[in-house]
Amino acid sequence: MDIPTLQSFFLWCCLINGGLLAFWIVILSAAPDLVFRTQRKWFPLEKEQFTVVMYGFLGLYKIFFMIFNFTPLIALLIIG
Protein backbone atom coordinates (compact mmCIF):
# COMPACT_ATOMS: atom_id res chain seq x y z
CA MET A 1 0.00 0.00 0.00
CA ASP A 2 1.37 3.41 -0.89
CA ILE A 3 1.60 6.45 1.38
CA PRO A 4 -1.15 8.55 -0.32
CA THR A 5 -3.61 5.66 0.10
CA LEU A 6 -2.72 5.31 3.77
CA GLN A 7 -3.02 9.08 4.26
CA SER A 8 -6.48 8.99 2.70
CA PHE A 9 -7.47 6.01 4.84
CA PHE A 10 -6.36 7.62 8.10
CA LEU A 11 -7.91 10.95 7.11
CA TRP A 12 -11.28 9.26 6.66
CA CYS A 13 -10.80 7.35 9.91
CA CYS A 14 -10.11 10.65 11.69
CA LEU A 15 -13.15 12.32 10.15
CA ILE A 16 -15.51 9.47 11.00
CA ASN A 17 -14.22 8.84 14.53
CA GLY A 18 -13.87 12.57 15.25
CA GLY A 19 -17.44 13.07 14.07
CA LEU A 20 -18.67 10.28 16.32
CA LEU A 21 -16.79 11.76 19.26
CA ALA A 22 -18.21 15.24 18.59
CA PHE A 23 -21.73 13.81 18.17
CA TRP A 24 -21.43 11.91 21.45
CA ILE A 25 -20.25 15.03 23.27
CA VAL A 26 -23.05 17.16 21.81
CA ILE A 27 -25.74 14.60 22.70
CA LEU A 28 -24.42 14.21 26.26
CA SER A 29 -24.18 17.99 26.68
CA ALA A 30 -27.54 18.85 25.12
CA ALA A 31 -29.72 16.10 26.57
CA PRO A 32 -28.01 14.30 29.46
CA ASP A 33 -31.29 13.34 31.12
CA LEU A 34 -32.64 11.78 27.92
CA VAL A 35 -29.49 9.70 27.51
CA PHE A 36 -29.62 8.69 31.17
CA ARG A 37 -33.28 7.64 30.97
CA THR A 38 -32.65 5.68 27.78
CA GLN A 39 -29.64 3.82 29.17
CA ARG A 40 -31.29 3.25 32.54
CA LYS A 41 -33.62 0.73 30.91
CA TRP A 42 -30.65 -1.58 30.25
CA PHE A 43 -28.16 -0.64 32.95
CA PRO A 44 -29.34 -0.03 36.53
CA LEU A 45 -26.98 2.82 37.46
CA GLU A 46 -27.47 5.89 39.58
CA LYS A 47 -27.12 9.28 37.91
CA GLU A 48 -23.69 9.93 39.47
CA GLN A 49 -22.39 6.51 38.40
CA PHE A 50 -23.73 7.05 34.89
CA THR A 51 -21.95 10.40 34.65
CA VAL A 52 -18.65 8.87 35.74
CA VAL A 53 -19.02 5.97 33.29
CA MET A 54 -19.86 8.28 30.37
CA TYR A 55 -16.97 10.61 31.22
CA GLY A 56 -14.63 7.61 31.40
CA PHE A 57 -15.83 6.24 28.06
CA LEU A 58 -15.42 9.64 26.43
CA GLY A 59 -11.88 9.91 27.74
CA LEU A 60 -11.00 6.38 26.64
CA TYR A 61 -12.50 6.92 23.18
CA LYS A 62 -10.56 10.18 22.83
CA ILE A 63 -7.30 8.49 23.82
CA PHE A 64 -7.87 5.64 21.35
CA PHE A 65 -8.81 8.16 18.66
CA MET A 66 -5.58 10.08 19.22
CA ILE A 67 -3.37 6.96 19.34
CA PHE A 68 -4.87 4.89 16.52
CA ASN A 69 -6.18 7.54 14.09
CA PHE A 70 -4.69 10.97 14.59
CA THR A 71 -1.08 10.07 15.40
CA PRO A 72 -0.63 7.73 12.38
CA LEU A 73 -2.16 10.39 10.12
CA ILE A 74 0.26 13.04 11.38
CA ALA A 75 3.19 10.62 10.95
CA LEU A 76 2.14 9.82 7.38
CA LEU A 77 1.72 13.49 6.56
CA ILE A 78 5.23 14.19 7.87
CA ILE A 79 6.90 11.43 5.89
CA GLY A 80 4.73 11.94 2.79
PDB file of N, CA and C in Angstrom:
ATOM      1  N   MET A   1       0.852  -1.169   0.000  1.00  0.00           N
ATOM      2  CA  MET A   1       0.000   0.000   0.000  1.00  0.00           C
ATOM      3  C   MET A   1       0.902   1.238   0.000  1.00  0.00           C
ATOM      4  N   ASP A   2       0.535   2.212  -0.796  1.00  0.00           N
ATOM      5  CA  ASP A   2       1.370   3.406  -0.886  1.00  0.00           C
ATOM      6  C   ASP A   2       0.940   4.465   0.137  1.00  0.00           C
ATOM      7  N   ILE A   3       1.816   5.440   0.339  1.00  0.00           N
ATOM      8  CA  ILE A   3       1.602   6.449   1.381  1.00  0.00           C
ATOM      9  C   ILE A   3       0.353   7.301   1.117  1.00  0.00           C
ATOM     10  N   PRO A   4       0.082   7.767  -0.119  1.00  0.00           N
ATOM     11  CA  PRO A   4      -1.149   8.555  -0.322  1.00  0.00           C
ATOM     12  C   PRO A   4      -2.426   7.777   0.010  1.00  0.00           C
ATOM     13  N   THR A   5      -2.437   6.475  -0.257  1.00  0.00           N
ATOM     14  CA  THR A   5      -3.608   5.665   0.096  1.00  0.00           C
ATOM     15  C   THR A   5      -3.763   5.569   1.610  1.00  0.00           C
ATOM     16  N   LEU A   6      -2.659   5.358   2.304  1.00  0.00           N
ATOM     17  CA  LEU A   6      -2.722   5.313   3.768  1.00  0.00           C
ATOM     18  C   LEU A   6      -3.126   6.659   4.359  1.00  0.00           C
ATOM     19  N   GLN A   7      -2.622   7.748   3.780  1.00  0.00           N
ATOM     20  CA  GLN A   7      -3.015   9.077   4.255  1.00  0.00           C
ATOM     21  C   GLN A   7      -4.515   9.275   4.082  1.00  0.00           C
ATOM     22  N   SER A   8      -5.035   8.864   2.938  1.00  0.00           N
ATOM     23  CA  SER A   8      -6.476   8.991   2.695  1.00  0.00           C
ATOM     24  C   SER A   8      -7.270   8.128   3.675  1.00  0.00           C
ATOM     25  N   PHE A   9      -6.796   6.912   3.902  1.00  0.00           N
ATOM     26  CA  PHE A   9      -7.468   6.012   4.836  1.00  0.00           C
ATOM     27  C   PHE A   9      -7.535   6.614   6.239  1.00  0.00           C
ATOM     28  N   PHE A  10      -6.386   7.069   6.747  1.00  0.00           N
ATOM     29  CA  PHE A  10      -6.364   7.617   8.104  1.00  0.00           C
ATOM     30  C   PHE A  10      -7.092   8.949   8.197  1.00  0.00           C
ATOM     31  N   LEU A  11      -7.122   9.707   7.109  1.00  0.00           N
ATOM     32  CA  LEU A  11      -7.912  10.947   7.108  1.00  0.00           C
ATOM     33  C   LEU A  11      -9.389  10.633   7.274  1.00  0.00           C
ATOM     34  N   TRP A  12      -9.878   9.641   6.519  1.00  0.00           N
ATOM     35  CA  TRP A  12     -11.281   9.260   6.660  1.00  0.00           C
ATOM     36  C   TRP A  12     -11.575   8.657   8.022  1.00  0.00           C
ATOM     37  N   CYS A  13     -10.632   7.883   8.550  1.00  0.00           N
ATOM     38  CA  CYS A  13     -10.802   7.346   9.909  1.00  0.00           C
ATOM     39  C   CYS A  13     -10.920   8.482  10.924  1.00  0.00           C
ATOM     40  N   CYS A  14     -10.067   9.505  10.778  1.00  0.00           N
ATOM     41  CA  CYS A  14     -10.112  10.648  11.687  1.00  0.00           C
ATOM     42  C   CYS A  14     -11.424  11.403  11.566  1.00  0.00           C
ATOM     43  N   LEU A  15     -11.887  11.593  10.348  1.00  0.00           N
ATOM     44  CA  LEU A  15     -13.145  12.319  10.154  1.00  0.00           C
ATOM     45  C   LEU A  15     -14.331  11.560  10.746  1.00  0.00           C
ATOM     46  N   ILE A  16     -14.388  10.268  10.490  1.00  0.00           N
ATOM     47  CA  ILE A  16     -15.511   9.474  10.997  1.00  0.00           C
ATOM     48  C   ILE A  16     -15.468   9.373  12.518  1.00  0.00           C
ATOM     49  N   ASN A  17     -14.323   8.994  13.074  1.00  0.00           N
ATOM     50  CA  ASN A  17     -14.225   8.843  14.530  1.00  0.00           C
ATOM     51  C   ASN A  17     -14.301  10.186  15.249  1.00  0.00           C
ATOM     52  N   GLY A  18     -13.736  11.235  14.664  1.00  0.00           N
ATOM     53  CA  GLY A  18     -13.871  12.569  15.252  1.00  0.00           C
ATOM     54  C   GLY A  18     -15.316  13.043  15.230  1.00  0.00           C
ATOM     55  N   GLY A  19     -16.020  12.732  14.153  1.00  0.00           N
ATOM     56  CA  GLY A  19     -17.442  13.071  14.073  1.00  0.00           C
ATOM     57  C   GLY A  19     -18.268  12.335  15.109  1.00  0.00           C
ATOM     58  N   LEU A  20     -17.965  11.046  15.294  1.00  0.00           N
ATOM     59  CA  LEU A  20     -18.674  10.282  16.325  1.00  0.00           C
ATOM     60  C   LEU A  20     -18.393  10.824  17.724  1.00  0.00           C
ATOM     61  N   LEU A  21     -17.150  11.187  17.965  1.00  0.00           N
ATOM     62  CA  LEU A  21     -16.787  11.761  19.263  1.00  0.00           C
ATOM     63  C   LEU A  21     -17.503  13.086  19.487  1.00  0.00           C
ATOM     64  N   ALA A  22     -17.524  13.940  18.476  1.00  0.00           N
ATOM     65  CA  ALA A  22     -18.207  15.238  18.590  1.00  0.00           C
ATOM     66  C   ALA A  22     -19.709  15.033  18.784  1.00  0.00           C
ATOM     67  N   PHE A  23     -20.299  14.089  18.037  1.00  0.00           N
ATOM     68  CA  PHE A  23     -21.732  13.806  18.170  1.00  0.00           C
ATOM     69  C   PHE A  23     -22.060  13.324  19.575  1.00  0.00           C
ATOM     70  N   TRP A  24     -21.230  12.437  20.111  1.00  0.00           N
ATOM     71  CA  TRP A  24     -21.430  11.906  21.451  1.00  0.00           C
ATOM     72  C   TRP A  24     -21.349  13.021  22.490  1.00  0.00           C
ATOM     73  N   ILE A  25     -20.394  13.908  22.338  1.00  0.00           N
ATOM     74  CA  ILE A  25     -20.246  15.028  23.272  1.00  0.00           C
ATOM     75  C   ILE A  25     -21.449  15.961  23.191  1.00  0.00           C
ATOM     76  N   VAL A  26     -21.896  16.265  21.976  1.00  0.00           N
ATOM     77  CA  VAL A  26     -23.051  17.160  21.808  1.00  0.00           C
ATOM     78  C   VAL A  26     -24.302  16.546  22.415  1.00  0.00           C
ATOM     79  N   ILE A  27     -24.541  15.267  22.154  1.00  0.00           N
ATOM     80  CA  ILE A  27     -25.736  14.604  22.703  1.00  0.00           C
ATOM     81  C   ILE A  27     -25.684  14.583  24.231  1.00  0.00           C
ATOM     82  N   LEU A  28     -24.525  14.245  24.795  1.00  0.00           N
ATOM     83  CA  LEU A  28     -24.423  14.211  26.257  1.00  0.00           C
ATOM     84  C   LEU A  28     -24.527  15.604  26.873  1.00  0.00           C
ATOM     85  N   SER A  29     -24.092  16.628  26.153  1.00  0.00           N
ATOM     86  CA  SER A  29     -24.182  17.990  26.675  1.00  0.00           C
ATOM     87  C   SER A  29     -25.582  18.560  26.523  1.00  0.00           C
ATOM     88  N   ALA A  30     -26.226  18.257  25.407  1.00  0.00           N
ATOM     89  CA  ALA A  30     -27.539  18.849  25.118  1.00  0.00           C
ATOM     90  C   ALA A  30     -28.678  18.154  25.860  1.00  0.00           C
ATOM     91  N   ALA A  31     -28.607  16.837  25.965  1.00  0.00           N
ATOM     92  CA  ALA A  31     -29.719  16.101  26.571  1.00  0.00           C
ATOM     93  C   ALA A  31     -29.216  14.994  27.490  1.00  0.00           C
ATOM     94  N   PRO A  32     -28.548  15.355  28.583  1.00  0.00           N
ATOM     95  CA  PRO A  32     -28.010  14.297  29.457  1.00  0.00           C
ATOM     96  C   PRO A  32     -29.093  13.465  30.138  1.00  0.00           C
ATOM     97  N   ASP A  33     -30.215  14.087  30.459  1.00  0.00           N
ATOM     98  CA  ASP A  33     -31.293  13.339  31.120  1.00  0.00           C
ATOM     99  C   ASP A  33     -31.933  12.330  30.178  1.00  0.00           C
ATOM    100  N   LEU A  34     -32.077  12.705  28.906  1.00  0.00           N
ATOM    101  CA  LEU A  34     -32.638  11.785  27.915  1.00  0.00           C
ATOM    102  C   LEU A  34     -31.719  10.567  27.736  1.00  0.00           C
ATOM    103  N   VAL A  35     -30.439  10.803  27.654  1.00  0.00           N
ATOM    104  CA  VAL A  35     -29.486   9.705  27.510  1.00  0.00           C
ATOM    105  C   VAL A  35     -29.517   8.833  28.756  1.00  0.00           C
ATOM    106  N   PHE A  36     -29.575   9.451  29.923  1.00  0.00           N
ATOM    107  CA  PHE A  36     -29.617   8.687  31.172  1.00  0.00           C
ATOM    108  C   PHE A  36     -30.879   7.831  31.244  1.00  0.00           C
ATOM    109  N   ARG A  37     -32.016   8.405  30.921  1.00  0.00           N
ATOM    110  CA  ARG A  37     -33.276   7.641  30.973  1.00  0.00           C
ATOM    111  C   ARG A  37     -33.265   6.495  29.969  1.00  0.00           C
ATOM    112  N   THR A  38     -32.705   6.720  28.798  1.00  0.00           N
ATOM    113  CA  THR A  38     -32.649   5.679  27.781  1.00  0.00           C
ATOM    114  C   THR A  38     -31.745   4.537  28.229  1.00  0.00           C
ATOM    115  N   GLN A  39     -30.578   4.845  28.752  1.00  0.00           N
ATOM    116  CA  GLN A  39     -29.637   3.818  29.166  1.00  0.00           C
ATOM    117  C   GLN A  39     -30.057   3.134  30.467  1.00  0.00           C
ATOM    118  N   ARG A  40     -30.851   3.813  31.250  1.00  0.00           N
ATOM    119  CA  ARG A  40     -31.288   3.253  32.542  1.00  0.00           C
ATOM    120  C   ARG A  40     -32.155   2.013  32.345  1.00  0.00           C
ATOM    121  N   LYS A  41     -32.796   1.902  31.184  1.00  0.00           N
ATOM    122  CA  LYS A  41     -33.616   0.726  30.906  1.00  0.00           C
ATOM    123  C   LYS A  41     -32.768  -0.540  30.842  1.00  0.00           C
ATOM    124  N   TRP A  42     -31.516  -0.416  30.406  1.00  0.00           N
ATOM    125  CA  TRP A  42     -30.647  -1.579  30.248  1.00  0.00           C
ATOM    126  C   TRP A  42     -29.651  -1.730  31.388  1.00  0.00           C
ATOM    127  N   PHE A  43     -29.193  -0.607  31.934  1.00  0.00           N
ATOM    128  CA  PHE A  43     -28.155  -0.642  32.951  1.00  0.00           C
ATOM    129  C   PHE A  43     -28.643   0.072  34.204  1.00  0.00           C
ATOM    130  N   PRO A  44     -28.817  -0.657  35.308  1.00  0.00           N
ATOM    131  CA  PRO A  44     -29.336  -0.032  36.533  1.00  0.00           C
ATOM    132  C   PRO A  44     -28.239   0.742  37.275  1.00  0.00           C
ATOM    133  N   LEU A  45     -27.979   1.963  36.826  1.00  0.00           N
ATOM    134  CA  LEU A  45     -26.984   2.816  37.459  1.00  0.00           C
ATOM    135  C   LEU A  45     -27.642   4.061  38.032  1.00  0.00           C
ATOM    136  N   GLU A  46     -27.039   4.595  39.065  1.00  0.00           N
ATOM    137  CA  GLU A  46     -27.466   5.886  39.582  1.00  0.00           C
ATOM    138  C   GLU A  46     -26.944   6.986  38.661  1.00  0.00           C
ATOM    139  N   LYS A  47     -27.506   8.169  38.776  1.00  0.00           N
ATOM    140  CA  LYS A  47     -27.121   9.283  37.915  1.00  0.00           C
ATOM    141  C   LYS A  47     -25.632   9.614  38.042  1.00  0.00           C
ATOM    142  N   GLU A  48     -25.101   9.612  39.256  1.00  0.00           N
ATOM    143  CA  GLU A  48     -23.691   9.928  39.466  1.00  0.00           C
ATOM    144  C   GLU A  48     -22.792   8.862  38.841  1.00  0.00           C
ATOM    145  N   GLN A  49     -23.165   7.596  39.003  1.00  0.00           N
ATOM    146  CA  GLN A  49     -22.393   6.507  38.404  1.00  0.00           C
ATOM    147  C   GLN A  49     -22.417   6.604  36.883  1.00  0.00           C
ATOM    148  N   PHE A  50     -23.583   6.908  36.336  1.00  0.00           N
ATOM    149  CA  PHE A  50     -23.734   7.047  34.894  1.00  0.00           C
ATOM    150  C   PHE A  50     -22.837   8.163  34.359  1.00  0.00           C
ATOM    151  N   THR A  51     -22.795   9.276  35.067  1.00  0.00           N
ATOM    152  CA  THR A  51     -21.954  10.401  34.646  1.00  0.00           C
ATOM    153  C   THR A  51     -20.484  10.010  34.642  1.00  0.00           C
ATOM    154  N   VAL A  52     -20.048   9.304  35.669  1.00  0.00           N
ATOM    155  CA  VAL A  52     -18.655   8.870  35.745  1.00  0.00           C
ATOM    156  C   VAL A  52     -18.334   7.891  34.613  1.00  0.00           C
ATOM    157  N   VAL A  53     -19.232   6.948  34.353  1.00  0.00           N
ATOM    158  CA  VAL A  53     -19.016   5.968  33.292  1.00  0.00           C
ATOM    159  C   VAL A  53     -18.948   6.658  31.930  1.00  0.00           C
ATOM    160  N   MET A  54     -19.864   7.574  31.659  1.00  0.00           N
ATOM    161  CA  MET A  54     -19.859   8.278  30.368  1.00  0.00           C
ATOM    162  C   MET A  54     -18.606   9.136  30.213  1.00  0.00           C
ATOM    163  N   TYR A  55     -18.189   9.795  31.273  1.00  0.00           N
ATOM    164  CA  TYR A  55     -16.970  10.606  31.218  1.00  0.00           C
ATOM    165  C   TYR A  55     -15.755   9.720  30.962  1.00  0.00           C
ATOM    166  N   GLY A  56     -15.723   8.562  31.613  1.00  0.00           N
ATOM    167  CA  GLY A  56     -14.629   7.614  31.398  1.00  0.00           C
ATOM    168  C   GLY A  56     -14.599   7.079  29.976  1.00  0.00           C
ATOM    169  N   PHE A  57     -15.775   6.731  29.435  1.00  0.00           N
ATOM    170  CA  PHE A  57     -15.832   6.243  28.064  1.00  0.00           C
ATOM    171  C   PHE A  57     -15.416   7.319  27.069  1.00  0.00           C
ATOM    172  N   LEU A  58     -15.833   8.545  27.315  1.00  0.00           N
ATOM    173  CA  LEU A  58     -15.418   9.637  26.432  1.00  0.00           C
ATOM    174  C   LEU A  58     -13.907   9.823  26.456  1.00  0.00           C
ATOM    175  N   GLY A  59     -13.329   9.778  27.620  1.00  0.00           N
ATOM    176  CA  GLY A  59     -11.879   9.908  27.735  1.00  0.00           C
ATOM    177  C   GLY A  59     -11.142   8.763  27.061  1.00  0.00           C
ATOM    178  N   LEU A  60     -11.620   7.543  27.261  1.00  0.00           N
ATOM    179  CA  LEU A  60     -11.000   6.380  26.642  1.00  0.00           C
ATOM    180  C   LEU A  60     -11.121   6.433  25.121  1.00  0.00           C
ATOM    181  N   TYR A  61     -12.288   6.810  24.628  1.00  0.00           N
ATOM    182  CA  TYR A  61     -12.503   6.923  23.178  1.00  0.00           C
ATOM    183  C   TYR A  61     -11.586   7.990  22.593  1.00  0.00           C
ATOM    184  N   LYS A  62     -11.429   9.104  23.301  1.00  0.00           N
ATOM    185  CA  LYS A  62     -10.559  10.177  22.828  1.00  0.00           C
ATOM    186  C   LYS A  62      -9.103   9.728  22.797  1.00  0.00           C
ATOM    187  N   ILE A  63      -8.677   8.996  23.797  1.00  0.00           N
ATOM    188  CA  ILE A  63      -7.299   8.489  23.820  1.00  0.00           C
ATOM    189  C   ILE A  63      -7.070   7.512  22.671  1.00  0.00           C
ATOM    190  N   PHE A  64      -7.995   6.576  22.464  1.00  0.00           N
ATOM    191  CA  PHE A  64      -7.865   5.636  21.350  1.00  0.00           C
ATOM    192  C   PHE A  64      -7.899   6.355  20.003  1.00  0.00           C
ATOM    193  N   PHE A  65      -8.734   7.377  19.882  1.00  0.00           N
ATOM    194  CA  PHE A  65      -8.808   8.163  18.655  1.00  0.00           C
ATOM    195  C   PHE A  65      -7.463   8.827  18.376  1.00  0.00           C
ATOM    196  N   MET A  66      -6.869   9.404  19.397  1.00  0.00           N
ATOM    197  CA  MET A  66      -5.584  10.077  19.224  1.00  0.00           C
ATOM    198  C   MET A  66      -4.473   9.084  18.879  1.00  0.00           C
ATOM    199  N   ILE A  67      -4.457   7.928  19.545  1.00  0.00           N
ATOM    200  CA  ILE A  67      -3.373   6.963  19.336  1.00  0.00           C
ATOM    201  C   ILE A  67      -3.509   6.233  18.003  1.00  0.00           C
ATOM    202  N   PHE A  68      -4.710   5.770  17.680  1.00  0.00           N
ATOM    203  CA  PHE A  68      -4.870   4.891  16.523  1.00  0.00           C
ATOM    204  C   PHE A  68      -5.320   5.582  15.245  1.00  0.00           C
ATOM    205  N   ASN A  69      -5.753   6.836  15.302  1.00  0.00           N
ATOM    206  CA  ASN A  69      -6.176   7.536  14.092  1.00  0.00           C
ATOM    207  C   ASN A  69      -5.364   8.787  13.826  1.00  0.00           C
ATOM    208  N   PHE A  70      -5.304   9.664  14.804  1.00  0.00           N
ATOM    209  CA  PHE A  70      -4.694  10.973  14.594  1.00  0.00           C
ATOM    210  C   PHE A  70      -3.165  10.899  14.499  1.00  0.00           C
ATOM    211  N   THR A  71      -2.540  10.166  15.403  1.00  0.00           N
ATOM    212  CA  THR A  71      -1.080  10.069  15.397  1.00  0.00           C
ATOM    213  C   THR A  71      -0.545   9.415  14.123  1.00  0.00           C
ATOM    214  N   PRO A  72      -1.125   8.288  13.652  1.00  0.00           N
ATOM    215  CA  PRO A  72      -0.627   7.732  12.383  1.00  0.00           C
ATOM    216  C   PRO A  72      -0.834   8.686  11.201  1.00  0.00           C
ATOM    217  N   LEU A  73      -1.937   9.429  11.199  1.00  0.00           N
ATOM    218  CA  LEU A  73      -2.159  10.388  10.118  1.00  0.00           C
ATOM    219  C   LEU A  73      -1.090  11.468  10.120  1.00  0.00           C
ATOM    220  N   ILE A  74      -0.772  12.006  11.281  1.00  0.00           N
ATOM    221  CA  ILE A  74       0.256  13.036  11.375  1.00  0.00           C
ATOM    222  C   ILE A  74       1.612  12.474  10.928  1.00  0.00           C
ATOM    223  N   ALA A  75       1.928  11.247  11.349  1.00  0.00           N
ATOM    224  CA  ALA A  75       3.189  10.622  10.947  1.00  0.00           C
ATOM    225  C   ALA A  75       3.252  10.435   9.433  1.00  0.00           C
ATOM    226  N   LEU A  76       2.162  10.002   8.834  1.00  0.00           N
ATOM    227  CA  LEU A  76       2.139   9.816   7.379  1.00  0.00           C
ATOM    228  C   LEU A  76       2.233  11.145   6.647  1.00  0.00           C
ATOM    229  N   LEU A  77       1.612  12.168   7.194  1.00  0.00           N
ATOM    230  CA  LEU A  77       1.722  13.495   6.558  1.00  0.00           C
ATOM    231  C   LEU A  77       3.146  14.028   6.643  1.00  0.00           C
ATOM    232  N   ILE A  78       3.841  13.722   7.728  1.00  0.00           N
ATOM    233  CA  ILE A  78       5.226  14.194   7.871  1.00  0.00           C
ATOM    234  C   ILE A  78       6.144  13.475   6.884  1.00  0.00           C
ATOM    235  N   ILE A  79       5.995  12.147   6.783  1.00  0.00           N
ATOM    236  CA  ILE A  79       6.904  11.425   5.885  1.00  0.00           C
ATOM    237  C   ILE A  79       6.483  11.501   4.426  1.00  0.00           C
ATOM    238  N   GLY A  80       5.230  11.870   4.170  1.00  0.00           N
ATOM    239  CA  GLY A  80       4.732  11.937   2.788  1.00  0.00           C
ATOM    240  C   GLY A  80       5.171  13.186   2.120  1.00  0.00           C
TER     241      GLY A  80
END
